[in-house]
Amino acid sequence: MSTLEKAIDLLETLPDNKLEVAYAFIQFIDSEAYGKSSKISASRRADVQSMLGIAHEYANPELIKREEGAFEHAIAEKYAVD
């Protein structure tokens, strides 16, 4: 199953209010990638900023330090030749 199919399956299970927020976030990602930020309404931008703020609330600064280089370390460990 492709990532798109998985995303669609998940989106189909969301209630309308959460679907609106998910859509706003997708628009935000698209606009940031292609410089189309002016096409997002102020209320949608506020929804996305709120969502990002909630995620930031749960961020652990101690773990952020440990995350630097974690991917590279994991790949090196996984594919290390003995």
C-alpha atoms as a PDB file:
ATOM      1  CA  MET A   1       0.000   0.000   0.000  1.00  0.00           C
ATOM      2  CA  SER A   2       1.407   3.380  -0.994  1.00  0.00           C
ATOM      3  CA  THR A   3       1.848   6.275   1.390  1.00  0.00           C
ATOM      4  CA  LEU A   4      -0.924   8.118  -0.417  1.00  0.00           C
ATOM      5  CA  GLU A   5      -3.303   5.201   0.074  1.00  0.00           C
ATOM      6  CA  LYS A   6      -2.391   4.982   3.764  1.00  0.00           C
ATOM      7  CA  ALA A   7      -2.959   8.727   4.173  1.00  0.00           C
ATOM      8  CA  ILE A   8      -6.328   8.553   2.444  1.00  0.00           C
ATOM      9  CA  ASP A   9      -7.391   5.622   4.637  1.00  0.00           C
ATOM     10  CA  LEU A  10      -6.428   7.589   7.735  1.00  0.00           C
ATOM     11  CA  LEU A  11      -8.124  10.773   6.530  1.00  0.00           C
ATOM     12  CA  GLU A  12     -11.343   8.876   5.900  1.00  0.00           C
ATOM     13  CA  THR A  13     -11.517   7.991   9.601  1.00  0.00           C
ATOM     14  CA  LEU A  14     -11.070  11.559  10.909  1.00  0.00           C
ATOM     15  CA  PRO A  15     -14.020  13.639  12.105  1.00  0.00           C
ATOM     16  CA  ASP A  16     -14.705  16.763  10.032  1.00  0.00           C
ATOM     17  CA  ASN A  17     -13.103  19.208  12.473  1.00  0.00           C
ATOM     18  CA  LYS A  18      -9.813  17.278  12.488  1.00  0.00           C
ATOM     19  CA  LEU A  19      -9.992  16.824   8.731  1.00  0.00           C
ATOM     20  CA  GLU A  20     -10.166  20.614   8.334  1.00  0.00           C
ATOM     21  CA  VAL A  21      -7.011  21.014  10.428  1.00  0.00           C
ATOM     22  CA  ALA A  22      -5.221  18.269   8.479  1.00  0.00           C
ATOM     23  CA  TYR A  23      -6.168  19.976   5.222  1.00  0.00           C
ATOM     24  CA  ALA A  24      -4.909  23.329   6.510  1.00  0.00           C
ATOM     25  CA  PHE A  25      -1.617  21.696   7.450  1.00  0.00           C
ATOM     26  CA  ILE A  26      -1.252  20.128   4.001  1.00  0.00           C
ATOM     27  CA  GLN A  27      -1.924  23.519   2.414  1.00  0.00           C
ATOM     28  CA  PHE A  28       0.682  25.064   4.708  1.00  0.00           C
ATOM     29  CA  ILE A  29       3.308  22.482   3.746  1.00  0.00           C
ATOM     30  CA  ASP A  30       2.531  22.953   0.052  1.00  0.00           C
ATOM     31  CA  SER A  31       2.686  26.740   0.299  1.00  0.00           C
ATOM     32  CA  GLU A  32       5.982  26.708   2.186  1.00  0.00           C
ATOM     33  CA  ALA A  33       7.538  24.361  -0.368  1.00  0.00           C
ATOM     34  CA  TYR A  34       6.443  26.415  -3.371  1.00  0.00           C
ATOM     35  CA  GLY A  35       6.332  29.933  -1.959  1.00  0.00           C
ATOM     36  CA  LYS A  36       2.544  30.222  -2.166  1.00  0.00           C
ATOM     37  CA  SER A  37       2.015  31.419   1.421  1.00  0.00           C
ATOM     38  CA  SER A  38      -0.232  34.301   0.333  1.00  0.00           C
ATOM     39  CA  LYS A  39      -2.880  31.808  -0.842  1.00  0.00           C
ATOM     40  CA  ILE A  40      -3.553  30.521   2.691  1.00  0.00           C
ATOM     41  CA  SER A  41      -6.207  32.392   4.638  1.00  0.00           C
ATOM     42  CA  ALA A  42      -5.362  33.939   7.978  1.00  0.00           C
ATOM     43  CA  SER A  43      -7.627  31.519   9.839  1.00  0.00           C
ATOM     44  CA  ARG A  44      -5.985  28.494   8.195  1.00  0.00           C
ATOM     45  CA  ARG A  45      -2.546  29.876   9.038  1.00  0.00           C
ATOM     46  CA  ALA A  46      -3.707  30.339  12.643  1.00  0.00           C
ATOM     47  CA  ASP A  47      -4.886  26.707  12.723  1.00  0.00           C
ATOM     48  CA  VAL A  48      -1.480  25.501  11.541  1.00  0.00           C
ATOM     49  CA  GLN A  49       0.403  27.754  13.951  1.00  0.00           C
ATOM     50  CA  SER A  50      -1.783  26.449  16.772  1.00  0.00           C
ATOM     51  CA  MET A  51      -1.056  22.877  15.750  1.00  0.00           C
ATOM     52  CA  LEU A  52       2.675  23.552  15.619  1.00  0.00           C
ATOM     53  CA  GLY A  53       2.454  25.276  19.007  1.00  0.00           C
ATOM     54  CA  ILE A  54       0.822  22.220  20.528  1.00  0.00           C
ATOM     55  CA  ALA A  55       3.613  20.022  19.191  1.00  0.00           C
ATOM     56  CA  HIS A  56       6.212  22.435  20.567  1.00  0.00           C
ATOM     57  CA  GLU A  57       4.560  22.199  23.970  1.00  0.00           C
ATOM     58  CA  TYR A  58       5.550  18.528  24.158  1.00  0.00           C
ATOM     59  CA  ALA A  59       9.093  19.004  22.892  1.00  0.00           C
ATOM     60  CA  ASN A  60      11.827  17.878  25.240  1.00  0.00           C
ATOM     61  CA  PRO A  61      14.952  20.081  24.888  1.00  0.00           C
ATOM     62  CA  GLU A  62      17.159  17.356  26.354  1.00  0.00           C
ATOM     63  CA  LEU A  63      16.093  14.921  23.657  1.00  0.00           C
ATOM     64  CA  ILE A  64      16.607  17.478  20.902  1.00  0.00           C
ATOM     65  CA  LYS A  65      20.320  17.528  21.745  1.00  0.00           C
ATOM     66  CA  ARG A  66      20.434  13.735  21.521  1.00  0.00           C
ATOM     67  CA  GLU A  67      18.625  13.742  18.166  1.00  0.00           C
ATOM     68  CA  GLU A  68      21.447  15.570  16.419  1.00  0.00           C
ATOM     69  CA  GLY A  69      23.251  12.936  14.405  1.00  0.00           C
ATOM     70  CA  ALA A  70      20.923  10.170  15.594  1.00  0.00           C
ATOM     71  CA  PHE A  71      19.853   9.255  12.066  1.00  0.00           C
ATOM     72  CA  GLU A  72      23.421   9.041  10.823  1.00  0.00           C
ATOM     73  CA  HIS A  73      24.388   6.960  13.841  1.00  0.00           C
ATOM     74  CA  ALA A  74      21.455   4.575  13.338  1.00  0.00           C
ATOM     75  CA  ILE A  75      22.280   4.085   9.654  1.00  0.00           C
ATOM     76  CA  ALA A  76      25.957   3.495  10.422  1.00  0.00           C
ATOM     77  CA  GLU A  77      25.020   0.992  13.107  1.00  0.00           C
ATOM     78  CA  LYS A  78      22.497  -0.794  10.884  1.00  0.00           C
ATOM     79  CA  TYR A  79      24.814  -1.144   7.922  1.00  0.00           C
ATOM     80  CA  ALA A  80      28.107  -1.561   9.768  1.00  0.00           C
ATOM     81  CA  VAL A  81      30.352  -4.150   8.226  1.00  0.00           C
ATOM     82  CA  ASP A  82      31.965  -6.461  10.745  1.00  0.00           C
END
